[in-house]
N, C-alpha and C. Protein backbone atom coordinates (compact mmCIF):
# COMPACT_ATOMS: atom_id res chain seq x y z
N MET A 1 -8.49 16.39 -17.08
CA MET A 1 -7.62 15.64 -16.67
C MET A 1 -8.30 15.14 -14.98
N LYS A 2 -8.25 14.08 -14.77
CA LYS A 2 -8.62 13.62 -13.52
C LYS A 2 -7.87 14.15 -12.62
N ASN A 3 -8.47 14.61 -11.25
CA ASN A 3 -7.51 15.13 -10.22
C ASN A 3 -6.25 14.22 -9.63
N GLU A 4 -6.52 12.89 -9.95
CA GLU A 4 -5.10 12.51 -9.16
C GLU A 4 -4.12 12.22 -10.34
N ASP A 5 -4.33 12.56 -11.90
CA ASP A 5 -3.18 12.53 -13.06
C ASP A 5 -2.45 14.10 -12.38
N LYS A 6 -3.06 15.16 -11.99
CA LYS A 6 -2.38 16.16 -11.74
C LYS A 6 -1.09 16.14 -10.93
N ILE A 7 0.03 16.99 -11.13
CA ILE A 7 0.84 17.24 -10.29
C ILE A 7 0.60 17.90 -9.33
N LYS A 8 0.80 17.48 -7.82
CA LYS A 8 0.22 18.11 -7.01
C LYS A 8 1.38 19.07 -6.71
N LEU A 9 1.16 20.74 -6.33
CA LEU A 9 2.62 21.18 -6.24
C LEU A 9 2.24 22.22 -5.00
N PHE A 10 3.01 22.19 -3.93
CA PHE A 10 3.29 23.29 -2.89
C PHE A 10 4.00 24.22 -3.02
N LEU A 11 3.58 25.59 -2.85
CA LEU A 11 4.33 26.83 -3.22
C LEU A 11 4.46 27.26 -2.02
N VAL A 12 5.76 27.34 -1.48
CA VAL A 12 5.89 28.03 0.10
C VAL A 12 7.00 29.33 -0.13
N ASP A 13 6.33 30.67 0.27
CA ASP A 13 7.24 31.81 0.11
C ASP A 13 6.41 32.85 1.14
N ASP A 14 7.16 33.70 1.94
CA ASP A 14 6.43 34.80 2.69
C ASP A 14 6.36 35.89 1.88
N ASP A 15 6.83 35.77 0.58
CA ASP A 15 6.47 37.25 -0.13
C ASP A 15 4.85 36.74 -1.02
N ALA A 16 3.99 37.43 -0.41
CA ALA A 16 2.71 37.26 -0.95
C ALA A 16 2.74 37.70 -2.46
N VAL A 17 3.04 38.48 -3.23
CA VAL A 17 3.15 39.10 -4.30
C VAL A 17 3.56 37.96 -5.21
N PHE A 18 4.93 37.76 -4.70
CA PHE A 18 6.01 36.51 -5.80
C PHE A 18 4.93 35.25 -5.18
N LEU A 19 4.30 35.00 -4.04
CA LEU A 19 3.68 33.75 -4.28
C LEU A 19 2.66 33.35 -5.15
N LYS A 20 1.59 34.68 -5.30
CA LYS A 20 0.78 34.52 -6.16
C LYS A 20 1.02 34.43 -7.80
N SER A 21 2.09 35.46 -7.81
CA SER A 21 2.44 35.20 -9.40
C SER A 21 3.12 33.90 -10.04
N LEU A 22 3.72 33.25 -9.18
CA LEU A 22 4.07 31.92 -8.96
C LEU A 22 3.26 30.79 -9.40
N GLU A 23 2.22 31.08 -8.65
CA GLU A 23 0.58 30.15 -8.65
C GLU A 23 0.15 30.59 -9.86
N ILE A 24 -0.13 31.74 -10.50
CA ILE A 24 -0.60 32.16 -11.97
C ILE A 24 0.22 31.66 -12.60
N GLU A 25 1.80 31.71 -12.76
CA GLU A 25 2.33 31.11 -13.77
C GLU A 25 2.52 29.88 -13.77
N PHE A 26 2.35 28.92 -12.83
CA PHE A 26 2.51 27.47 -12.87
C PHE A 26 1.03 27.22 -13.60
N LEU A 27 -0.37 27.85 -13.26
CA LEU A 27 -1.58 27.57 -13.58
C LEU A 27 -2.01 27.75 -15.00
N GLN A 28 -1.28 28.77 -15.63
CA GLN A 28 -1.23 29.25 -16.99
C GLN A 28 -0.50 28.26 -18.22
N HIS A 29 0.47 27.65 -17.32
CA HIS A 29 1.24 26.73 -18.13
C HIS A 29 1.21 25.36 -18.14
N ALA A 30 0.41 24.75 -17.13
CA ALA A 30 -0.38 23.54 -17.34
C ALA A 30 -1.15 23.28 -16.43
N ASP A 31 -1.80 21.91 -16.18
CA ASP A 31 -2.85 22.06 -15.17
C ASP A 31 -2.40 21.03 -13.85
N PHE A 32 -1.99 22.02 -12.99
CA PHE A 32 -1.31 21.52 -11.54
C PHE A 32 -2.50 21.66 -10.69
N ASP A 33 -2.33 21.00 -9.48
CA ASP A 33 -2.99 20.89 -8.23
C ASP A 33 -2.19 21.54 -7.32
N ILE A 34 -2.75 23.14 -6.90
CA ILE A 34 -1.68 23.86 -6.47
C ILE A 34 -2.06 24.53 -5.10
N GLU A 35 -1.27 24.01 -4.11
CA GLU A 35 -1.57 24.73 -2.77
C GLU A 35 -0.43 25.77 -2.41
N THR A 36 -1.04 26.68 -1.70
CA THR A 36 -0.10 28.11 -1.41
C THR A 36 0.25 28.21 0.23
N PHE A 37 1.35 28.34 0.61
CA PHE A 37 1.54 28.39 2.25
C PHE A 37 2.80 29.85 2.09
N ALA A 38 2.51 30.31 3.45
CA ALA A 38 3.25 31.90 3.41
C ALA A 38 4.49 31.24 4.57
N THR A 39 3.93 29.85 5.10
CA THR A 39 4.88 29.80 6.32
C THR A 39 5.42 28.15 6.16
N GLY A 40 6.73 28.11 6.83
CA GLY A 40 7.06 26.46 6.49
C GLY A 40 5.87 25.86 7.55
N GLU A 41 5.76 26.44 8.69
CA GLU A 41 5.17 25.68 9.51
C GLU A 41 3.27 25.31 9.08
N LEU A 42 3.05 26.22 8.14
CA LEU A 42 1.88 25.71 7.36
C LEU A 42 2.01 24.67 6.46
N CYS A 43 2.99 24.79 6.06
CA CYS A 43 3.34 23.74 4.54
C CYS A 43 3.13 22.26 5.17
N LEU A 44 3.79 22.23 6.24
CA LEU A 44 4.42 20.77 7.15
C LEU A 44 2.56 20.50 7.59
N GLU A 45 1.99 21.44 8.16
CA GLU A 45 0.60 21.21 8.78
C GLU A 45 -0.12 20.32 7.53
N HIS A 46 0.04 20.48 6.19
CA HIS A 46 -0.55 20.16 4.98
C HIS A 46 0.00 18.90 4.17
N LEU A 47 1.06 18.51 4.79
CA LEU A 47 1.86 17.45 4.08
C LEU A 47 0.66 15.96 3.91
N LYS A 48 0.09 16.22 4.59
CA LYS A 48 -1.00 14.78 4.39
C LYS A 48 -1.47 14.87 3.09
N HIS A 49 -1.58 16.17 2.55
CA HIS A 49 -1.99 15.80 1.30
C HIS A 49 -1.33 15.48 -0.08
N ASN A 50 -0.13 15.35 0.28
CA ASN A 50 0.93 14.25 -0.44
C ASN A 50 1.42 14.94 -1.62
N PRO A 51 1.98 16.09 -1.58
CA PRO A 51 2.67 16.84 -2.77
C PRO A 51 3.35 15.85 -3.26
N ASP A 52 3.53 16.13 -4.47
CA ASP A 52 4.86 15.57 -5.48
C ASP A 52 5.76 16.47 -5.36
N VAL A 53 5.95 17.72 -5.61
CA VAL A 53 6.92 19.00 -5.64
C VAL A 53 6.63 19.99 -4.81
N ILE A 54 7.33 20.47 -3.74
CA ILE A 54 7.41 21.63 -3.13
C ILE A 54 8.44 22.43 -3.67
N ILE A 55 7.95 23.52 -3.49
CA ILE A 55 9.00 24.62 -3.95
C ILE A 55 8.89 25.57 -3.08
N LEU A 56 10.42 25.91 -2.24
CA LEU A 56 10.24 26.18 -0.76
C LEU A 56 11.04 27.23 -0.64
N ASP A 57 10.75 28.55 -0.34
CA ASP A 57 11.72 29.78 -0.36
C ASP A 57 12.84 29.72 1.19
N TYR A 58 13.88 30.13 0.73
CA TYR A 58 15.30 29.90 1.41
C TYR A 58 14.91 30.47 3.22
N CYS A 59 14.32 31.58 3.07
CA CYS A 59 14.31 32.63 4.05
C CYS A 59 12.82 32.37 5.05
N LEU A 60 11.95 32.52 4.52
CA LEU A 60 10.75 32.60 5.25
C LEU A 60 10.48 33.27 6.80
N ASP A 61 10.93 34.25 6.53
CA ASP A 61 10.56 35.38 7.89
C ASP A 61 10.12 36.66 7.77
N GLY A 62 9.71 36.88 6.54
CA GLY A 62 9.11 38.03 6.38
C GLY A 62 8.08 38.20 7.00
N ILE A 63 7.26 37.35 7.44
CA ILE A 63 5.93 37.49 8.30
C ILE A 63 6.14 37.35 9.42
N ASP A 64 7.17 36.46 10.14
CA ASP A 64 7.12 35.85 11.18
C ASP A 64 8.90 36.03 11.53
N LYS A 65 9.53 36.75 12.19
CA LYS A 65 10.72 36.62 12.36
C LYS A 65 11.15 35.40 13.22
N ASN A 66 10.36 34.71 14.06
CA ASN A 66 10.59 33.55 14.35
C ASN A 66 10.06 32.25 13.83
N ALA A 67 9.76 32.37 12.58
CA ALA A 67 9.41 31.66 11.82
C ALA A 67 10.41 30.35 11.24
N MET A 68 10.16 28.99 11.14
CA MET A 68 11.03 28.42 10.62
C MET A 68 11.73 28.67 9.27
N ASN A 69 13.28 28.60 8.85
CA ASN A 69 13.37 28.99 7.70
C ASN A 69 13.46 27.93 6.87
N GLY A 70 13.82 27.96 5.74
CA GLY A 70 13.57 27.01 4.57
C GLY A 70 14.21 25.61 4.72
N LEU A 71 15.61 25.94 5.29
CA LEU A 71 16.33 24.47 5.20
C LEU A 71 15.67 23.56 6.48
N GLU A 72 14.90 24.80 7.81
CA GLU A 72 14.63 23.66 8.86
C GLU A 72 13.08 23.28 8.35
N THR A 73 12.63 23.87 7.57
CA THR A 73 11.37 23.08 6.52
C THR A 73 11.85 22.10 6.20
N LEU A 74 12.94 22.16 5.10
CA LEU A 74 13.63 21.14 4.07
C LEU A 74 13.80 20.18 5.25
N ASP A 75 14.40 20.11 6.44
CA ASP A 75 14.62 19.04 7.07
C ASP A 75 13.66 17.99 7.63
N LYS A 76 12.47 19.16 8.00
CA LYS A 76 11.18 18.24 8.79
C LYS A 76 10.38 17.61 7.48
N ILE A 77 10.39 18.24 6.22
CA ILE A 77 9.71 17.80 5.04
C ILE A 77 10.31 15.99 4.62
N LYS A 78 12.20 16.06 4.53
CA LYS A 78 12.41 15.21 4.70
C LYS A 78 12.60 14.04 5.41
N ALA A 79 12.45 14.59 6.45
CA ALA A 79 12.75 13.43 7.74
C ALA A 79 10.72 12.74 7.81
N ARG A 80 9.93 13.46 7.58
CA ARG A 80 8.63 12.77 7.08
C ARG A 80 8.19 12.19 6.21
N ASN A 81 8.67 12.76 5.02
CA ASN A 81 8.34 12.02 3.69
C ASN A 81 9.57 12.10 2.70
N PRO A 82 11.12 11.45 2.60
CA PRO A 82 11.92 11.41 2.26
C PRO A 82 11.67 11.78 0.19
N ASP A 83 10.79 11.19 0.17
CA ASP A 83 10.62 10.93 -1.09
C ASP A 83 9.51 12.24 -1.93
N ILE A 84 9.24 13.00 -1.18
CA ILE A 84 8.92 14.47 -1.77
C ILE A 84 10.02 15.11 -2.27
N ALA A 85 9.99 15.65 -3.57
CA ALA A 85 11.01 16.60 -4.34
C ALA A 85 10.90 18.08 -3.76
N VAL A 86 11.71 18.67 -3.44
CA VAL A 86 11.72 20.15 -2.94
C VAL A 86 12.99 20.86 -3.58
N VAL A 87 12.27 21.92 -4.09
CA VAL A 87 13.03 23.01 -4.84
C VAL A 87 13.11 24.13 -4.28
N MET A 88 14.32 24.48 -3.55
CA MET A 88 14.84 25.77 -2.99
C MET A 88 14.85 26.69 -3.72
N LEU A 89 14.00 27.55 -3.46
CA LEU A 89 14.16 29.17 -3.93
C LEU A 89 14.61 30.28 -3.53
N SER A 90 15.72 31.25 -3.72
CA SER A 90 16.02 32.13 -2.82
C SER A 90 16.47 33.39 -3.77
N GLN A 91 16.63 34.54 -3.21
CA GLN A 91 17.03 35.77 -3.66
C GLN A 91 18.56 35.73 -3.36
N GLN A 92 19.12 35.04 -2.54
CA GLN A 92 20.55 34.68 -2.61
C GLN A 92 21.44 34.00 -3.83
N ASP A 93 22.17 34.46 -4.51
CA ASP A 93 22.66 33.60 -5.51
C ASP A 93 24.70 33.64 -5.37
N LYS A 94 24.59 32.74 -4.04
CA LYS A 94 25.85 32.47 -2.97
C LYS A 94 26.09 30.77 -3.69
N ILE A 95 27.03 30.59 -4.14
CA ILE A 95 26.84 28.84 -4.42
C ILE A 95 26.86 28.02 -3.12
N GLU A 96 27.46 28.74 -1.72
CA GLU A 96 27.38 28.10 -0.71
C GLU A 96 26.07 27.75 -0.16
N VAL A 97 25.49 28.99 -0.31
CA VAL A 97 23.92 28.52 -0.03
C VAL A 97 23.10 27.42 -0.88
N ALA A 98 23.66 27.44 -2.27
CA ALA A 98 22.95 26.33 -2.88
C ALA A 98 23.53 25.00 -2.60
N VAL A 99 24.68 25.21 -2.40
CA VAL A 99 25.44 23.81 -2.01
C VAL A 99 24.96 23.14 -0.59
N ASN A 100 24.51 23.98 0.41
CA ASN A 100 23.85 23.66 1.56
C ASN A 100 22.57 23.32 1.43
N CYS A 101 22.15 23.65 0.73
CA CYS A 101 20.70 22.98 0.20
C CYS A 101 21.02 21.84 -0.14
N MET A 102 21.73 21.45 -1.20
CA MET A 102 21.46 20.31 -1.68
C MET A 102 22.64 19.49 -0.52
N HIS A 103 23.05 19.73 0.35
CA HIS A 103 23.34 18.53 1.51
C HIS A 103 22.38 18.53 2.28
N HIS A 104 21.10 19.61 2.42
CA HIS A 104 20.10 18.98 3.36
C HIS A 104 18.92 18.48 2.29
N ARG A 105 19.24 17.73 0.96
CA ARG A 105 18.65 16.84 0.50
C ARG A 105 17.50 17.77 -0.51
N ALA A 106 17.82 19.30 -1.02
CA ALA A 106 16.96 19.42 -1.76
C ALA A 106 17.11 18.83 -3.05
N PHE A 107 16.15 19.06 -4.08
CA PHE A 107 16.04 18.50 -5.49
C PHE A 107 16.99 19.26 -6.34
N ASP A 108 16.88 20.51 -5.63
CA ASP A 108 17.58 21.76 -6.59
C ASP A 108 17.98 23.03 -6.09
N TYR A 109 18.36 24.03 -6.45
CA TYR A 109 17.83 25.05 -5.91
C TYR A 109 18.18 26.02 -7.14
N VAL A 110 16.88 27.17 -7.07
CA VAL A 110 16.79 28.34 -8.20
C VAL A 110 16.62 29.81 -7.86
N VAL A 111 17.79 30.64 -8.01
CA VAL A 111 17.56 31.96 -7.47
C VAL A 111 16.96 32.66 -8.17
N LYS A 112 15.28 33.35 -7.51
CA LYS A 112 14.76 34.32 -7.86
C LYS A 112 15.17 35.41 -8.70
N SER A 113 14.61 35.28 -10.05
CA SER A 113 15.33 36.08 -11.20
C SER A 113 14.13 36.07 -12.09
N GLU A 114 14.32 37.16 -13.12
CA GLU A 114 13.06 37.16 -14.37
C GLU A 114 13.02 35.95 -14.93
N THR A 115 14.11 34.84 -14.67
CA THR A 115 14.26 33.39 -15.34
C THR A 115 13.79 32.08 -14.47
N ALA A 116 13.29 32.49 -13.39
CA ALA A 116 13.12 31.49 -12.40
C ALA A 116 12.03 30.72 -12.72
N PHE A 117 10.88 31.56 -13.18
CA PHE A 117 9.61 30.67 -13.64
C PHE A 117 10.05 29.47 -14.48
N ILE A 118 10.79 29.89 -15.52
CA ILE A 118 11.43 29.00 -16.64
C ILE A 118 11.98 27.66 -16.06
N ARG A 119 13.20 27.97 -15.11
CA ARG A 119 14.03 27.31 -14.79
C ARG A 119 12.99 26.17 -13.71
N LEU A 120 11.87 26.50 -12.71
CA LEU A 120 11.30 25.97 -12.24
C LEU A 120 10.65 24.98 -12.88
N GLN A 121 9.76 25.53 -14.19
CA GLN A 121 8.98 24.68 -14.83
C GLN A 121 9.29 23.44 -15.26
N LYS A 122 10.80 23.68 -15.87
CA LYS A 122 11.60 22.52 -16.30
C LYS A 122 12.07 21.59 -15.27
N ILE A 123 12.28 22.17 -14.00
CA ILE A 123 12.71 21.04 -13.20
C ILE A 123 11.50 20.22 -12.61
N VAL A 124 10.47 20.83 -12.44
CA VAL A 124 8.74 20.16 -11.97
C VAL A 124 8.28 19.45 -13.03
N THR A 125 8.84 19.44 -14.33
CA THR A 125 9.12 18.77 -15.48
C THR A 125 9.55 17.50 -15.39
N THR A 126 10.93 17.47 -15.23
CA THR A 126 11.98 16.52 -14.90
C THR A 126 11.61 15.67 -13.60
N ILE A 127 10.84 16.26 -12.41
CA ILE A 127 10.53 15.34 -11.25
C ILE A 127 9.60 14.50 -11.68
N PHE A 128 8.39 14.99 -12.41
CA PHE A 128 7.63 14.71 -12.90
C PHE A 128 7.71 13.27 -13.44
N SER A 129 8.87 13.52 -14.85
CA SER A 129 9.19 12.28 -15.56
C SER A 129 10.05 11.25 -14.84
N TYR A 130 10.58 11.63 -13.94
CA TYR A 130 11.46 10.58 -13.12
C TYR A 130 10.53 9.90 -12.16
N LYS A 131 9.35 10.50 -11.52
CA LYS A 131 8.52 9.67 -11.19
C LYS A 131 7.55 8.80 -11.63
N LYS A 132 7.33 9.32 -13.28
CA LYS A 132 6.70 8.26 -14.08
C LYS A 132 7.31 7.30 -14.27
N MET A 133 8.55 7.76 -14.58
CA MET A 133 9.43 6.22 -15.00
C MET A 133 9.54 5.37 -13.83
N GLU A 134 9.56 5.83 -12.53
CA GLU A 134 10.04 5.02 -11.32
C GLU A 134 8.34 3.91 -10.88
N LYS A 135 7.14 4.42 -11.63
CA LYS A 135 6.08 4.10 -11.33
C LYS A 135 6.19 3.17 -12.26
N GLU A 136 6.54 3.52 -13.28
CA GLU A 136 6.51 2.29 -14.67
C GLU A 136 7.55 1.06 -14.55
N LEU A 137 8.57 1.35 -13.97
CA LEU A 137 9.71 0.61 -13.42
C LEU A 137 8.82 -0.71 -12.51
N ASN A 138 8.46 0.05 -11.42
CA ASN A 138 7.77 -0.35 -10.39
C ASN A 138 6.80 -1.54 -10.69
N TRP A 139 5.93 -0.88 -11.51
CA TRP A 139 4.66 -1.72 -12.14
C TRP A 139 5.46 -2.62 -13.07
N TYR A 140 6.45 -2.82 -13.82
CA TYR A 140 7.28 -3.56 -14.41
C TYR A 140 7.79 -5.07 -13.78
N MET A 141 8.36 -4.18 -12.21
CA MET A 141 9.18 -5.06 -11.51
C MET A 141 8.13 -6.14 -10.78
N ASP A 142 6.84 -5.49 -10.48
CA ASP A 142 5.93 -6.61 -9.90
C ASP A 142 5.50 -7.50 -10.72
N ARG A 143 5.43 -7.44 -11.89
CA ARG A 143 5.20 -8.45 -12.70
C ARG A 143 6.28 -9.31 -13.03
N MET A 144 7.59 -9.25 -12.75
CA MET A 144 8.48 -10.36 -13.06
C MET A 144 8.55 -11.49 -12.19
């Protein structure tokens, strides 16, 4: 598969073990172009690489207590490029947290659990399907 045909995926989490396991899971199940980051600041510095999807941890303060949290990072991502689909990921299983993330324009919210990867994989597949349909629709509309 050509590199431009791959889904460009950013994984952002301050838990190095979880981040690596997530990267391994995605690479074992599909042919993604993946970049990983331990902070929101690093993710923002690399937005010029044009990710299709960002999976973003909600807290992000495990390495640096003064680091931007997930919502601040989400807001900055959306300010720079509102078309990037961002999926929030968190240990918190609270509906208010999920709703708050959706108000900040997250595509979805996933609780870190033993089924998180399966859910994330389905969400990324859905996002990619939407983007593909949108591209085809735009192509068709340009020809009318």
